[in-house]
Amino acid sequence: MSDKQVSEMSFEEAMAELERVVNQLERGDVPLEDSIKLYERGAALNKRCEEKLKEAEEKVAAITLDGNGNPTGTTPVDGM
C-alpha cells in the first residue's frame, strides 16, 4: 500500500493502487484486521477515481463547438 494520501493521487495512481488492493483481498491470505484496512483504503481509492472521472466529464462537457462541430475553446467549469 502506498503512503501517499488518496486525496493527492492522480486517477492513474488511485486506479493502480485500487487494483493492488483488490488483488490482495481476492487472494484471501490477508489477516482480518489488515483486510478491513485494505477494504477502507479501497473504498477511498474508488471514491477518488469517481471524483477524477467526474472532473474529466465536466471538462469535456465544457468544450464549446462552432457551427461545423469544431471545438472553439472551453468554458470554465466552476471549481476548476
C-alpha atoms as a PDB file:
ATOM      1  CA  MET A   1       0.000   0.000   0.000  1.00  0.00           C
ATOM      2  CA  SER A   2       1.225   3.467  -0.826  1.00  0.00           C
ATOM      3  CA  ASP A   3       1.802   6.011   1.937  1.00  0.00           C
ATOM      4  CA  LYS A   4       0.567   8.776  -0.363  1.00  0.00           C
ATOM      5  CA  GLN A   5      -2.670  10.472   0.662  1.00  0.00           C
ATOM      6  CA  VAL A   6      -5.563   9.355  -1.542  1.00  0.00           C
ATOM      7  CA  SER A   7      -6.656  12.981  -1.993  1.00  0.00           C
ATOM      8  CA  GLU A   8      -3.292  13.757  -3.623  1.00  0.00           C
ATOM      9  CA  MET A   9      -3.378  10.878  -6.131  1.00  0.00           C
ATOM     10  CA  SER A  10      -3.992  11.198  -9.825  1.00  0.00           C
ATOM     11  CA  PHE A  11      -6.647   8.994 -11.379  1.00  0.00           C
ATOM     12  CA  GLU A  12      -3.984   6.623 -12.668  1.00  0.00           C
ATOM     13  CA  GLU A  13      -2.248   6.330  -9.299  1.00  0.00           C
ATOM     14  CA  ALA A  14      -5.525   5.680  -7.484  1.00  0.00           C
ATOM     15  CA  MET A  15      -6.653   3.100 -10.042  1.00  0.00           C
ATOM     16  CA  ALA A  16      -3.330   1.230  -9.908  1.00  0.00           C
ATOM     17  CA  GLU A  17      -3.395   1.075  -6.121  1.00  0.00           C
ATOM     18  CA  LEU A  18      -7.064   0.056  -6.145  1.00  0.00           C
ATOM     19  CA  GLU A  19      -6.140  -2.869  -8.400  1.00  0.00           C
ATOM     20  CA  ARG A  20      -3.406  -3.905  -5.946  1.00  0.00           C
ATOM     21  CA  VAL A  21      -5.850  -3.695  -3.027  1.00  0.00           C
ATOM     22  CA  VAL A  22      -8.442  -5.805  -4.845  1.00  0.00           C
ATOM     23  CA  ASN A  23      -5.818  -8.411  -5.747  1.00  0.00           C
ATOM     24  CA  GLN A  24      -4.693  -8.673  -2.125  1.00  0.00           C
ATOM     25  CA  LEU A  25      -8.272  -9.046  -0.890  1.00  0.00           C
ATOM     26  CA  GLU A  26      -9.098 -11.637  -3.571  1.00  0.00           C
ATOM     27  CA  ARG A  27      -6.119 -13.789  -2.573  1.00  0.00           C
ATOM     28  CA  GLY A  28      -7.698 -14.212   0.841  1.00  0.00           C
ATOM     29  CA  ASP A  29      -4.397 -14.630   2.647  1.00  0.00           C
ATOM     30  CA  VAL A  30      -4.560 -11.302   4.489  1.00  0.00           C
ATOM     31  CA  PRO A  31      -5.360 -11.276   8.238  1.00  0.00           C
ATOM     32  CA  LEU A  32      -8.804  -9.914   9.130  1.00  0.00           C
ATOM     33  CA  GLU A  33      -7.569  -6.610  10.588  1.00  0.00           C
ATOM     34  CA  ASP A  34      -5.442  -5.959   7.504  1.00  0.00           C
ATOM     35  CA  SER A  35      -8.373  -6.893   5.267  1.00  0.00           C
ATOM     36  CA  ILE A  36     -10.503  -4.260   6.962  1.00  0.00           C
ATOM     37  CA  LYS A  37      -7.813  -1.627   6.443  1.00  0.00           C
ATOM     38  CA  LEU A  38      -7.427  -2.682   2.817  1.00  0.00           C
ATOM     39  CA  TYR A  39     -11.180  -2.511   2.265  1.00  0.00           C
ATOM     40  CA  GLU A  40     -11.319   1.005   3.763  1.00  0.00           C
ATOM     41  CA  ARG A  41      -8.384   2.112   1.593  1.00  0.00           C
ATOM     42  CA  GLY A  42     -10.059   0.572  -1.450  1.00  0.00           C
ATOM     43  CA  ALA A  43     -13.284   2.455  -0.758  1.00  0.00           C
ATOM     44  CA  ALA A  44     -11.352   5.737  -0.522  1.00  0.00           C
ATOM     45  CA  LEU A  45      -9.466   4.953  -3.736  1.00  0.00           C
ATOM     46  CA  ASN A  46     -12.709   4.135  -5.526  1.00  0.00           C
ATOM     47  CA  LYS A  47     -14.203   7.453  -4.413  1.00  0.00           C
ATOM     48  CA  ARG A  48     -11.100   9.309  -5.668  1.00  0.00           C
ATOM     49  CA  CYS A  49     -11.375   7.616  -9.062  1.00  0.00           C
ATOM     50  CA  GLU A  50     -15.046   8.585  -9.306  1.00  0.00           C
ATOM     51  CA  GLU A  51     -14.211  12.211  -8.403  1.00  0.00           C
ATOM     52  CA  LYS A  52     -11.460  12.423 -11.022  1.00  0.00           C
ATOM     53  CA  LEU A  53     -13.724  10.902 -13.689  1.00  0.00           C
ATOM     54  CA  LYS A  54     -16.463  13.413 -12.862  1.00  0.00           C
ATOM     55  CA  GLU A  55     -13.952  16.269 -13.182  1.00  0.00           C
ATOM     56  CA  ALA A  56     -12.897  14.972 -16.598  1.00  0.00           C
ATOM     57  CA  GLU A  57     -16.510  14.621 -17.742  1.00  0.00           C
ATOM     58  CA  GLU A  58     -17.231  18.201 -16.690  1.00  0.00           C
ATOM     59  CA  LYS A  59     -14.210  19.473 -18.602  1.00  0.00           C
ATOM     60  CA  VAL A  60     -15.264  17.589 -21.743  1.00  0.00           C
ATOM     61  CA  ALA A  61     -18.828  18.876 -21.405  1.00  0.00           C
ATOM     62  CA  ALA A  62     -17.493  22.439 -21.187  1.00  0.00           C
ATOM     63  CA  ILE A  63     -15.859  22.340 -24.626  1.00  0.00           C
ATOM     64  CA  THR A  64     -17.745  24.665 -26.956  1.00  0.00           C
ATOM     65  CA  LEU A  65     -18.288  23.860 -30.622  1.00  0.00           C
ATOM     66  CA  ASP A  66     -18.754  26.121 -33.652  1.00  0.00           C
ATOM     67  CA  GLY A  67     -21.441  25.641 -36.321  1.00  0.00           C
ATOM     68  CA  ASN A  68     -19.363  22.916 -38.010  1.00  0.00           C
ATOM     69  CA  GLY A  69     -18.873  20.949 -34.802  1.00  0.00           C
ATOM     70  CA  ASN A  70     -15.266  22.061 -34.349  1.00  0.00           C
ATOM     71  CA  PRO A  71     -14.008  22.953 -30.870  1.00  0.00           C
ATOM     72  CA  THR A  72     -13.628  26.707 -30.470  1.00  0.00           C
ATOM     73  CA  GLY A  73     -12.496  26.847 -26.888  1.00  0.00           C
ATOM     74  CA  THR A  74     -13.560  25.839 -23.475  1.00  0.00           C
ATOM     75  CA  THR A  75     -15.943  27.289 -20.993  1.00  0.00           C
ATOM     76  CA  PRO A  76     -14.595  27.398 -17.433  1.00  0.00           C
ATOM     77  CA  VAL A  77     -16.236  24.882 -15.129  1.00  0.00           C
ATOM     78  CA  ASP A  78     -16.924  26.019 -11.572  1.00  0.00           C
ATOM     79  CA  GLY A  79     -14.231  24.913  -9.159  1.00  0.00           C
ATOM     80  CA  MET A  80     -11.561  24.272 -11.792  1.00  0.00           C
END
